[in-house]
N, C-alpha and C. Protein backbone atom coordinates (compact mmCIF):
# COMPACT_ATOMS: atom_id res chain seq x y z
N UNK A 1 0.96 -1.36 -0.02
CA UNK A 1 -0.38 -0.05 -0.26
C UNK A 1 0.99 1.26 -0.14
N UNK A 2 1.74 1.02 0.88
CA UNK A 2 2.53 2.34 0.59
C UNK A 2 3.63 2.40 -0.68
N UNK A 3 3.47 1.27 -1.01
CA UNK A 3 4.39 1.80 -2.37
C UNK A 3 3.37 2.62 -3.63
N UNK A 4 2.23 1.55 -3.38
CA UNK A 4 1.21 2.44 -4.07
C UNK A 4 0.51 4.35 -4.02
N UNK A 5 0.81 4.80 -2.43
CA UNK A 5 1.28 6.09 -2.47
C UNK A 5 1.76 6.97 -3.11
N UNK A 6 3.45 6.00 -2.82
CA UNK A 6 4.59 6.45 -3.30
C UNK A 6 4.35 6.66 -4.50
N UNK A 7 3.94 5.80 -5.62
CA UNK A 7 3.82 5.86 -7.41
C UNK A 7 2.74 6.53 -7.19
N UNK A 8 1.55 7.09 -6.30
CA UNK A 8 0.60 7.90 -6.83
C UNK A 8 1.36 9.43 -6.53
N UNK A 9 2.11 9.37 -5.75
CA UNK A 9 2.51 10.88 -5.93
C UNK A 9 3.78 11.19 -6.90
N UNK A 10 4.30 9.93 -7.11
CA UNK A 10 5.32 10.17 -7.88
C UNK A 10 4.76 10.37 -9.05
N UNK A 11 3.72 9.92 -9.78
CA UNK A 11 2.59 9.98 -11.06
C UNK A 11 2.34 11.46 -10.48
N UNK A 12 2.13 11.99 -9.85
CA UNK A 12 1.14 13.34 -9.42
C UNK A 12 2.34 14.63 -10.17
N UNK A 13 3.19 14.36 -9.87
CA UNK A 13 4.45 15.15 -9.44
C UNK A 13 4.90 15.03 -10.77
N UNK A 14 4.75 13.87 -11.77
CA UNK A 14 5.29 13.78 -13.03
C UNK A 14 3.99 14.60 -14.32
N UNK A 15 2.95 14.22 -13.82
CA UNK A 15 1.70 14.91 -14.28
C UNK A 15 1.43 16.66 -14.23
N UNK A 16 2.56 16.69 -13.28
CA UNK A 16 1.81 18.10 -13.05
C UNK A 16 2.95 18.63 -13.89
N UNK A 17 4.41 18.35 -13.81
CA UNK A 17 5.45 19.48 -14.57
C UNK A 17 5.37 19.30 -15.48
N UNK A 18 4.36 18.08 -16.14
CA UNK A 18 3.86 18.15 -17.73
C UNK A 18 2.47 19.12 -18.34
N UNK A 19 2.24 19.10 -17.79
CA UNK A 19 1.57 20.44 -17.44
C UNK A 19 1.27 21.46 -17.21
N UNK A 20 2.38 21.61 -16.91
CA UNK A 20 3.31 22.99 -16.43
C UNK A 20 3.92 23.79 -17.91
N UNK A 21 4.48 22.79 -19.07
CA UNK A 21 4.83 23.03 -20.43
C UNK A 21 2.76 22.72 -21.53
N UNK A 22 3.27 23.78 -22.16
CA UNK A 22 2.20 23.09 -23.31
C UNK A 22 2.17 22.20 -24.45
N UNK A 23 3.88 22.06 -24.60
CA UNK A 23 4.00 21.31 -25.40
C UNK A 23 5.17 20.36 -25.10
N UNK A 24 5.04 19.02 -24.91
CA UNK A 24 6.24 18.58 -24.45
C UNK A 24 7.58 18.83 -25.07
N UNK A 25 7.39 19.40 -25.93
CA UNK A 25 8.88 19.59 -26.28
C UNK A 25 9.34 20.88 -25.29
N UNK A 26 8.58 21.51 -24.54
CA UNK A 26 9.34 22.43 -23.55
C UNK A 26 8.89 21.75 -22.16
N UNK A 27 8.93 20.37 -21.95
CA UNK A 27 8.98 19.39 -21.19
C UNK A 27 10.64 19.22 -21.03
N UNK A 28 11.07 19.46 -22.51
CA UNK A 28 12.13 18.58 -22.14
C UNK A 28 13.39 19.53 -22.31
N UNK A 29 12.89 20.98 -22.96
CA UNK A 29 14.02 21.36 -23.35
C UNK A 29 13.27 23.04 -23.11
N UNK A 30 13.44 23.92 -21.37
CA UNK A 30 12.71 24.76 -21.02
C UNK A 30 13.40 25.88 -21.04
N UNK A 31 14.94 25.70 -21.06
CA UNK A 31 15.22 27.31 -21.54
C UNK A 31 15.44 27.50 -22.83
N UNK A 32 15.79 26.47 -23.75
CA UNK A 32 15.70 26.33 -24.92
C UNK A 32 14.15 27.44 -25.10
N UNK A 33 13.71 27.08 -25.04
CA UNK A 33 11.97 27.16 -25.39
C UNK A 33 12.31 28.84 -25.05
N UNK A 34 12.46 29.45 -23.87
CA UNK A 34 12.38 30.57 -23.10
C UNK A 34 13.22 31.69 -24.12
N UNK A 35 14.27 30.87 -24.41
CA UNK A 35 15.66 32.04 -25.17
C UNK A 35 14.86 32.27 -25.93
N UNK A 36 14.04 31.48 -27.22
CA UNK A 36 13.42 31.46 -28.31
C UNK A 36 12.65 32.74 -28.38
N UNK A 37 11.78 32.24 -27.35
CA UNK A 37 10.24 33.22 -27.02
C UNK A 37 11.02 34.86 -26.92
N UNK A 38 12.00 34.87 -25.85
CA UNK A 38 12.75 36.02 -26.03
C UNK A 38 13.52 36.63 -26.78
N UNK A 39 13.90 35.74 -28.02
CA UNK A 39 14.36 36.14 -29.25
C UNK A 39 13.24 36.72 -29.75
N UNK A 40 12.20 35.78 -29.85
CA UNK A 40 11.01 36.67 -31.19
C UNK A 40 10.33 38.01 -30.41
N UNK A 41 10.27 38.14 -28.98
CA UNK A 41 9.64 39.09 -28.56
C UNK A 41 10.27 40.45 -28.58
N UNK A 42 11.90 40.10 -28.23
CA UNK A 42 13.40 41.31 -28.83
C UNK A 42 12.95 41.76 -30.18
N UNK A 43 13.05 40.52 -31.18
CA UNK A 43 12.85 41.09 -32.84
C UNK A 43 11.36 41.79 -33.26
N UNK A 44 10.20 41.17 -32.20
CA UNK A 44 9.29 41.75 -32.75
C UNK A 44 9.47 43.36 -32.39
N UNK A 45 9.67 43.53 -30.91
CA UNK A 45 9.89 44.94 -30.92
C UNK A 45 10.97 46.06 -31.44
N UNK A 46 11.92 45.49 -32.23
CA UNK A 46 12.45 46.40 -33.01
C UNK A 46 12.37 46.30 -34.60
N UNK A 47 11.36 45.65 -34.44
CA UNK A 47 10.84 45.76 -36.21
C UNK A 47 9.33 46.85 -35.63
N UNK A 48 8.98 46.76 -34.59
CA UNK A 48 8.54 48.31 -34.25
C UNK A 48 8.50 49.21 -34.02
N UNK A 49 9.81 49.27 -33.69
CA UNK A 49 10.36 50.56 -33.01
C UNK A 49 11.18 51.09 -34.63
N UNK A 50 11.60 50.03 -35.29
CA UNK A 50 12.03 50.58 -36.96
C UNK A 50 10.70 51.05 -37.73
N UNK A 51 10.08 50.58 -37.66
CA UNK A 51 8.45 50.98 -38.58
C UNK A 51 7.93 52.33 -37.56
N UNK A 52 8.27 52.21 -36.72
CA UNK A 52 8.28 53.99 -35.86
C UNK A 52 9.12 54.82 -36.15
N UNK A 53 9.90 54.69 -36.33
CA UNK A 53 10.93 55.60 -36.73
C UNK A 53 11.38 56.09 -38.10
N UNK A 54 10.74 54.60 -39.29
CA UNK A 54 10.39 55.30 -40.83
C UNK A 54 9.43 56.01 -41.10
N UNK A 55 8.23 55.64 -40.08
CA UNK A 55 7.15 56.57 -40.29
C UNK A 55 7.65 57.89 -39.48
N UNK A 56 7.84 58.47 -38.78
CA UNK A 56 8.66 59.57 -38.43
C UNK A 56 9.70 60.29 -39.39
N UNK A 57 10.72 59.52 -40.27
CA UNK A 57 11.26 60.40 -40.89
C UNK A 57 10.51 60.57 -42.25
N UNK A 58 9.65 58.87 -42.87
CA UNK A 58 8.70 59.75 -43.67
C UNK A 58 7.81 61.22 -43.18
N UNK A 59 7.68 61.08 -42.15
CA UNK A 59 6.57 62.64 -41.44
C UNK A 59 7.56 64.00 -41.60
N UNK A 60 8.91 63.92 -41.45
CA UNK A 60 10.27 64.92 -41.34
C UNK A 60 10.19 65.27 -43.05
N UNK A 61 10.25 63.83 -44.05
CA UNK A 61 10.02 64.35 -45.10
C UNK A 61 8.83 65.08 -46.03
N UNK A 62 7.91 64.59 -45.23
CA UNK A 62 6.72 64.86 -45.93
C UNK A 62 6.97 66.79 -45.46
N UNK A 63 6.85 67.11 -44.59
CA UNK A 63 7.63 68.40 -43.94
C UNK A 63 8.19 69.02 -44.35
N UNK A 64 9.44 68.41 -45.44
CA UNK A 64 10.25 69.29 -45.47
C UNK A 64 9.75 69.52 -47.26
N UNK A 65 9.17 68.60 -47.61
CA UNK A 65 8.93 68.96 -49.13
C UNK A 65 7.71 70.36 -49.20
N UNK A 66 6.87 69.60 -47.96
CA UNK A 66 5.89 70.71 -48.35
C UNK A 66 6.51 72.41 -47.72
N UNK A 67 7.12 72.61 -47.35
CA UNK A 67 8.15 73.88 -46.79
C UNK A 67 8.56 74.29 -47.49
N UNK A 68 9.38 73.35 -48.43
CA UNK A 68 10.19 73.88 -50.00
C UNK A 68 9.25 73.93 -50.90
N UNK A 69 7.89 73.17 -50.80
CA UNK A 69 6.75 73.80 -51.87
C UNK A 69 6.30 75.27 -51.53
N UNK A 70 6.09 75.26 -50.41
CA UNK A 70 6.21 76.94 -49.64
C UNK A 70 6.87 77.48 -50.30
N UNK A 71 8.43 77.84 -50.39
CA UNK A 71 9.28 78.80 -50.69
C UNK A 71 9.57 78.61 -51.90
N UNK A 72 9.05 77.61 -53.03
CA UNK A 72 9.03 77.82 -54.21
C UNK A 72 7.87 78.91 -54.68
N UNK A 73 6.81 78.31 -54.04
CA UNK A 73 5.01 79.62 -54.47
C UNK A 73 5.81 80.91 -54.02
N UNK A 74 6.29 80.74 -52.83
CA UNK A 74 6.80 83.26 -52.38
C UNK A 74 7.39 83.40 -53.31
N UNK A 75 8.72 82.25 -53.77
CA UNK A 75 9.68 83.32 -54.94
C UNK A 75 9.06 83.61 -56.33
N UNK A 76 8.14 82.26 -56.25
CA UNK A 76 7.23 82.50 -57.91
C UNK A 76 6.66 83.61 -57.57
N UNK A 77 6.23 84.52 -56.48
CA UNK A 77 5.29 85.40 -56.34
C UNK A 77 5.89 86.32 -56.12
N UNK A 78 7.37 86.27 -55.70
CA UNK A 78 7.92 87.83 -55.51
C UNK A 78 8.18 87.89 -56.55
N UNK A 79 8.76 87.19 -58.05
CA UNK A 79 9.15 87.23 -59.38
C UNK A 79 8.24 88.13 -59.96
N UNK A 80 6.94 87.51 -59.87
CA UNK A 80 5.72 87.76 -60.55
C UNK A 80 5.34 89.32 -60.14
N UNK A 81 5.54 89.47 -59.18
CA UNK A 81 5.43 90.98 -58.65
C UNK A 81 6.39 92.00 -58.96
N UNK A 82 7.78 91.64 -58.45
CA UNK A 82 8.51 92.26 -58.90
C UNK A 82 8.51 91.94 -60.80
N UNK A 83 7.75 91.24 -62.04
CA UNK A 83 8.01 91.58 -62.66
C UNK A 83 6.91 92.74 -63.34
N UNK A 84 6.00 92.57 -62.31
CA UNK A 84 5.19 93.44 -62.36
C UNK A 84 5.23 94.99 -62.25
N UNK A 85 6.19 95.18 -60.96
CA UNK A 85 7.03 96.32 -61.03
C UNK A 85 7.33 97.14 -62.10
N UNK A 86 8.30 96.02 -62.85
CA UNK A 86 9.31 96.84 -63.90
C UNK A 86 8.33 97.22 -64.82
N UNK A 87 7.04 96.40 -65.38
CA UNK A 87 6.40 96.60 -66.41
C UNK A 87 5.35 97.93 -66.07
N UNK A 88 5.39 98.40 -64.91
CA UNK A 88 4.70 99.75 -64.42
C UNK A 88 5.48 100.70 -64.28
N UNK A 89 7.27 100.62 -64.19
CA UNK A 89 7.80 101.31 -64.01
C UNK A 89 8.26 101.62 -66.07
N UNK A 90 8.00 100.91 -66.41
CA UNK A 90 8.15 101.04 -67.91
C UNK A 90 7.26 101.97 -68.02
N UNK A 91 5.36 102.12 -67.69
CA UNK A 91 4.87 102.75 -68.11
C UNK A 91 4.67 104.57 -67.40
N UNK A 92 5.46 104.69 -66.43
CA UNK A 92 6.20 105.91 -65.55
C UNK A 92 6.78 106.42 -66.13
N UNK A 93 8.03 105.88 -66.60
CA UNK A 93 8.93 106.23 -67.74
C UNK A 93 8.53 106.90 -68.88
N UNK A 94 7.90 106.78 -69.75
CA UNK A 94 7.12 106.95 -70.54
C UNK A 94 6.59 108.49 -70.59
N UNK A 95 6.39 108.61 -68.78
CA UNK A 95 5.22 109.97 -69.00
C UNK A 95 6.44 110.78 -68.83
N UNK A 96 7.70 110.36 -67.64
CA UNK A 96 8.36 111.05 -67.27
C UNK A 96 9.26 111.35 -68.50
N UNK A 97 9.77 110.50 -69.61
CA UNK A 97 10.38 111.23 -70.64
C UNK A 97 9.68 112.01 -71.39
N UNK A 98 8.24 112.35 -71.48
CA UNK A 98 7.36 112.79 -72.94
C UNK A 98 7.62 114.16 -71.82
N UNK A 99 7.55 114.10 -70.39
CA UNK A 99 7.29 115.06 -69.68
C UNK A 99 8.98 116.21 -69.68
N UNK A 100 9.75 115.31 -69.88
CA UNK A 100 11.65 115.88 -69.74
C UNK A 100 11.77 116.86 -71.57
N UNK A 101 10.93 115.61 -72.69
CA UNK A 101 10.76 116.98 -74.04
C UNK A 101 10.44 118.42 -74.28
N UNK A 102 9.55 117.31 -73.42
CA UNK A 102 8.48 118.85 -73.10
C UNK A 102 9.29 119.88 -72.20
N UNK A 103 9.61 120.08 -71.60
CA UNK A 103 10.71 121.01 -70.89
C UNK A 103 11.73 121.39 -71.51
N UNK A 104 12.24 120.65 -71.96
CA UNK A 104 13.46 120.55 -73.04
C UNK A 104 13.08 121.80 -74.27
N UNK A 105 12.05 121.96 -74.74
CA UNK A 105 11.07 122.86 -75.59
C UNK A 105 11.17 123.50 -75.09
N UNK A 106 10.53 123.81 -74.00
CA UNK A 106 10.50 125.36 -73.26
C UNK A 106 8.65 125.21 -73.18
N UNK A 107 8.36 124.51 -73.27
CA UNK A 107 6.76 124.18 -72.75
C UNK A 107 6.42 123.25 -72.09
N UNK A 108 6.19 124.82 -71.00
CA UNK A 108 6.00 124.99 -69.59
C UNK A 108 3.78 123.69 -69.38
N UNK A 109 3.78 124.26 -70.10
CA UNK A 109 2.11 124.40 -70.14
C UNK A 109 1.86 122.63 -70.75
N UNK A 110 3.00 121.85 -72.32
CA UNK A 110 2.94 120.89 -72.82
C UNK A 110 3.23 119.84 -71.53
N UNK A 111 4.35 120.45 -70.20
CA UNK A 111 4.72 119.36 -69.71
C UNK A 111 4.02 118.96 -68.46
N UNK A 112 3.21 120.33 -68.12
CA UNK A 112 2.33 120.14 -66.95
C UNK A 112 0.83 119.08 -67.24
N UNK A 113 0.70 119.27 -68.46
CA UNK A 113 -0.24 118.39 -69.25
C UNK A 113 0.18 116.91 -69.46
N UNK A 114 1.35 116.77 -69.96
CA UNK A 114 2.03 115.29 -69.33
C UNK A 114 2.17 114.97 -68.29
N UNK A 115 2.57 115.19 -67.26
CA UNK A 115 2.98 115.02 -66.07
C UNK A 115 1.71 115.32 -65.47
N UNK A 116 0.60 115.15 -65.63
CA UNK A 116 -1.10 115.13 -65.33
C UNK A 116 -0.71 113.93 -65.15
N UNK A 117 0.02 113.09 -66.47
CA UNK A 117 -0.36 111.45 -66.84
C UNK A 117 0.28 110.71 -66.17
N UNK A 118 1.54 111.06 -65.29
CA UNK A 118 1.85 110.57 -64.38
C UNK A 118 0.89 109.68 -62.85
N UNK A 119 0.56 110.90 -62.14
CA UNK A 119 -0.92 110.65 -61.39
C UNK A 119 -1.90 109.52 -62.10
N UNK A 120 -2.08 109.44 -63.20
CA UNK A 120 -2.94 108.39 -63.76
C UNK A 120 -2.51 106.74 -63.80
N UNK A 121 -1.41 107.47 -64.20
CA UNK A 121 -0.61 105.89 -64.58
C UNK A 121 0.06 105.43 -62.59
N UNK A 122 0.85 106.40 -62.11
CA UNK A 122 0.48 106.40 -60.61
C UNK A 122 -0.89 105.33 -59.43
N UNK A 123 -1.76 105.94 -60.29
CA UNK A 123 -2.94 105.38 -59.31
C UNK A 123 -2.82 103.68 -59.77
N UNK A 124 -2.70 103.31 -60.61
CA UNK A 124 -3.17 102.18 -61.62
C UNK A 124 -1.61 101.17 -60.93
N UNK A 125 -0.41 101.50 -60.40
CA UNK A 125 0.68 100.44 -60.73
C UNK A 125 1.55 101.41 -58.97
N UNK A 126 0.62 101.88 -58.53
CA UNK A 126 1.49 102.61 -57.46
C UNK A 126 1.84 101.00 -56.37
N UNK A 127 0.60 100.80 -56.27
CA UNK A 127 0.65 99.17 -55.18
C UNK A 127 0.98 98.60 -55.51
N UNK A 128 1.43 98.09 -56.60
CA UNK A 128 2.64 96.91 -57.16
C UNK A 128 3.83 97.16 -56.90
N UNK A 129 4.50 98.64 -56.70
CA UNK A 129 5.47 99.05 -57.22
C UNK A 129 5.87 99.35 -55.43
N UNK A 130 4.82 99.69 -54.45
CA UNK A 130 4.85 99.32 -53.42
C UNK A 130 5.29 98.28 -52.51
N UNK A 131 4.30 96.91 -53.31
CA UNK A 131 4.30 95.29 -53.03
C UNK A 131 6.05 95.27 -53.17
N UNK A 132 6.42 95.66 -54.36
CA UNK A 132 7.34 95.00 -54.54
C UNK A 132 8.64 95.70 -53.94
N UNK A 133 8.40 97.25 -53.60
CA UNK A 133 9.99 97.95 -52.82
C UNK A 133 9.10 99.04 -52.39
N UNK A 134 9.11 98.72 -51.07
CA UNK A 134 8.78 100.04 -50.35
C UNK A 134 9.02 101.38 -50.68
N UNK A 135 10.63 101.00 -49.78
CA UNK A 135 12.16 102.28 -50.41
C UNK A 135 11.39 102.78 -51.61
N UNK A 136 11.61 102.13 -52.79
CA UNK A 136 11.52 102.77 -53.86
C UNK A 136 10.01 103.20 -54.06
N UNK A 137 9.24 102.89 -53.53
CA UNK A 137 8.06 103.83 -53.71
C UNK A 137 8.00 104.81 -52.96
N UNK A 138 8.61 104.98 -51.38
CA UNK A 138 8.26 106.31 -50.87
C UNK A 138 9.56 107.62 -52.02
N UNK A 139 10.85 106.27 -52.17
CA UNK A 139 11.10 108.06 -53.33
C UNK A 139 10.72 108.70 -54.60
N UNK A 140 9.91 107.66 -55.24
CA UNK A 140 8.75 107.85 -55.98
C UNK A 140 8.18 109.05 -55.44
N UNK A 141 7.29 108.38 -54.73
CA UNK A 141 6.67 109.47 -54.29
C UNK A 141 7.46 111.29 -53.72
N UNK A 142 8.50 111.02 -52.80
CA UNK A 142 9.45 112.10 -52.90
C UNK A 142 9.66 112.89 -53.62
N UNK A 143 9.69 112.02 -55.61
CA UNK A 143 10.32 112.84 -55.98
C UNK A 143 8.97 113.50 -56.79
N UNK A 144 8.47 113.00 -56.84
CA UNK A 144 6.96 113.24 -57.81
C UNK A 144 6.17 114.53 -57.21
N UNK A 145 6.39 114.67 -55.86
CA UNK A 145 5.98 116.03 -55.44
C UNK A 145 7.21 116.77 -55.58
N UNK A 146 8.63 116.70 -55.81
CA UNK A 146 9.54 117.71 -56.25
C UNK A 146 8.86 118.07 -57.82
N UNK A 147 8.83 117.78 -58.60
CA UNK A 147 8.21 117.53 -59.62
C UNK A 147 7.18 118.48 -59.51
N UNK A 148 6.27 117.81 -58.86
CA UNK A 148 5.30 119.05 -58.82
C UNK A 148 4.84 120.16 -58.98
N UNK A 149 5.85 120.64 -57.40
CA UNK A 149 6.70 121.52 -56.86
C UNK A 149 7.38 122.93 -58.01
N UNK A 150 8.31 122.25 -58.62
CA UNK A 150 8.94 122.98 -59.63
C UNK A 150 7.76 123.80 -60.65
N UNK A 151 7.22 122.41 -61.50
CA UNK A 151 6.34 122.89 -62.42
C UNK A 151 5.31 123.86 -61.64
N UNK A 152 4.81 124.44 -60.56
CA UNK A 152 3.76 124.71 -60.37
C UNK A 152 3.56 126.32 -60.61
N UNK A 153 5.32 126.56 -60.21
CA UNK A 153 5.51 128.03 -60.88
C UNK A 153 4.86 128.37 -61.58
N UNK A 154 4.48 129.95 -62.04
CA UNK A 154 4.01 130.50 -63.49
C UNK A 154 4.91 130.35 -64.20
N UNK A 155 6.29 130.87 -63.70
CA UNK A 155 8.10 130.29 -64.73
C UNK A 155 8.46 129.52 -64.37
N UNK A 156 8.31 128.14 -64.36
CA UNK A 156 9.00 127.36 -63.85
C UNK A 156 10.56 127.42 -63.99
N UNK A 157 11.30 126.59 -63.35
CA UNK A 157 12.95 127.00 -63.71
C UNK A 157 13.16 125.47 -63.92
N UNK A 158 13.74 125.69 -65.72
CA UNK A 158 14.16 124.54 -66.76
C UNK A 158 14.82 123.73 -65.77
N UNK A 159 15.92 124.01 -65.63
CA UNK A 159 17.27 123.16 -64.48
C UNK A 159 16.64 122.71 -63.01
N UNK A 160 15.91 123.31 -62.93
CA UNK A 160 14.72 122.75 -61.18
C UNK A 160 13.91 121.43 -61.68
N UNK A 161 13.47 121.82 -62.58
CA UNK A 161 11.96 120.49 -63.09
C UNK A 161 13.31 119.69 -63.72
N UNK A 162 14.23 119.49 -64.76
CA UNK A 162 14.86 118.64 -65.85
C UNK A 162 15.98 117.63 -64.52
N UNK A 163 16.13 118.48 -63.40
CA UNK A 163 16.96 117.92 -62.12
C UNK A 163 15.87 117.09 -61.18
N UNK A 164 13.94 117.51 -60.77
CA UNK A 164 13.48 116.92 -60.26
C UNK A 164 13.33 115.40 -61.52
N UNK A 165 12.94 116.18 -62.76
CA UNK A 165 12.67 114.54 -63.69
C UNK A 165 13.63 113.83 -63.45
N UNK A 166 15.09 114.36 -63.10
CA UNK A 166 16.09 113.09 -63.44
C UNK A 166 16.52 112.27 -61.87
N UNK A 167 16.31 112.90 -60.76
CA UNK A 167 16.04 111.92 -59.59
C UNK A 167 14.52 111.26 -59.57
N UNK A 168 13.21 111.46 -60.12
CA UNK A 168 12.61 111.19 -60.14
C UNK A 168 13.10 109.71 -61.12
N UNK A 169 12.99 109.95 -62.13
CA UNK A 169 13.57 108.75 -63.57
C UNK A 169 14.74 107.75 -62.73
N UNK A 170 15.58 107.81 -61.47
CA UNK A 170 16.26 107.80 -61.29
C UNK A 170 15.93 106.46 -60.37
N UNK A 171 14.64 107.16 -59.47
CA UNK A 171 13.80 106.36 -58.73
C UNK A 171 12.81 105.40 -59.64
N UNK A 172 12.45 105.76 -59.97
CA UNK A 172 11.62 104.54 -61.20
C UNK A 172 12.65 103.67 -61.74
N UNK A 173 13.75 103.75 -61.93
CA UNK A 173 14.77 102.54 -62.47
C UNK A 173 14.75 101.67 -61.64
N UNK A 174 15.22 102.83 -60.27
CA UNK A 174 15.91 101.34 -59.24
C UNK A 174 14.49 100.23 -58.91
N UNK A 175 13.80 100.67 -59.21
CA UNK A 175 12.01 100.18 -58.94
C UNK A 175 12.11 98.76 -59.93
N UNK A 176 12.68 99.14 -61.35
CA UNK A 176 12.47 98.34 -62.61
C UNK A 176 13.04 96.87 -62.88
N UNK A 177 14.54 97.61 -61.77
CA UNK A 177 15.62 96.06 -62.04
C UNK A 177 14.72 95.01 -61.16
N UNK A 178 15.30 93.79 -61.92
CA UNK A 178 14.82 92.48 -61.43
C UNK A 178 15.16 91.77 -59.81
């Protein structure tokens, strides 16, 4: 009877040790299985980290591409504004040239008439020039005032008018450069 109890106890211990393992191979090689599971877990974690890193890099690249596209758009817009300012400056220079021709001929009535066209052109193009070159805009405004002052006398001084027109021409040319 004692022998039966011993066998029963021994059988129970053996059975419990087998039940603790999910496969018979684990019962015979528990250390190998544990290290294999750990290696699999480590590999899965490494793959997940690599995927996160790749996603972060993709987001960074997308952000850089978006910034580059924005910069290109700004550059194109600035070039268009500069081109508009250059075309606008050409219209203004035409008025100044016609006014100079009248002053050189001593026809101040014609010079005043020609320079009045400057105001019409300026109202159309001044905003473009102000956007492209705020400093150039201010210089033109100042020089227009000087030309008007020189022309408003009953008998304008030809030298003063020509000097004022030359300064105005120079300030318009400065905004016409790309």
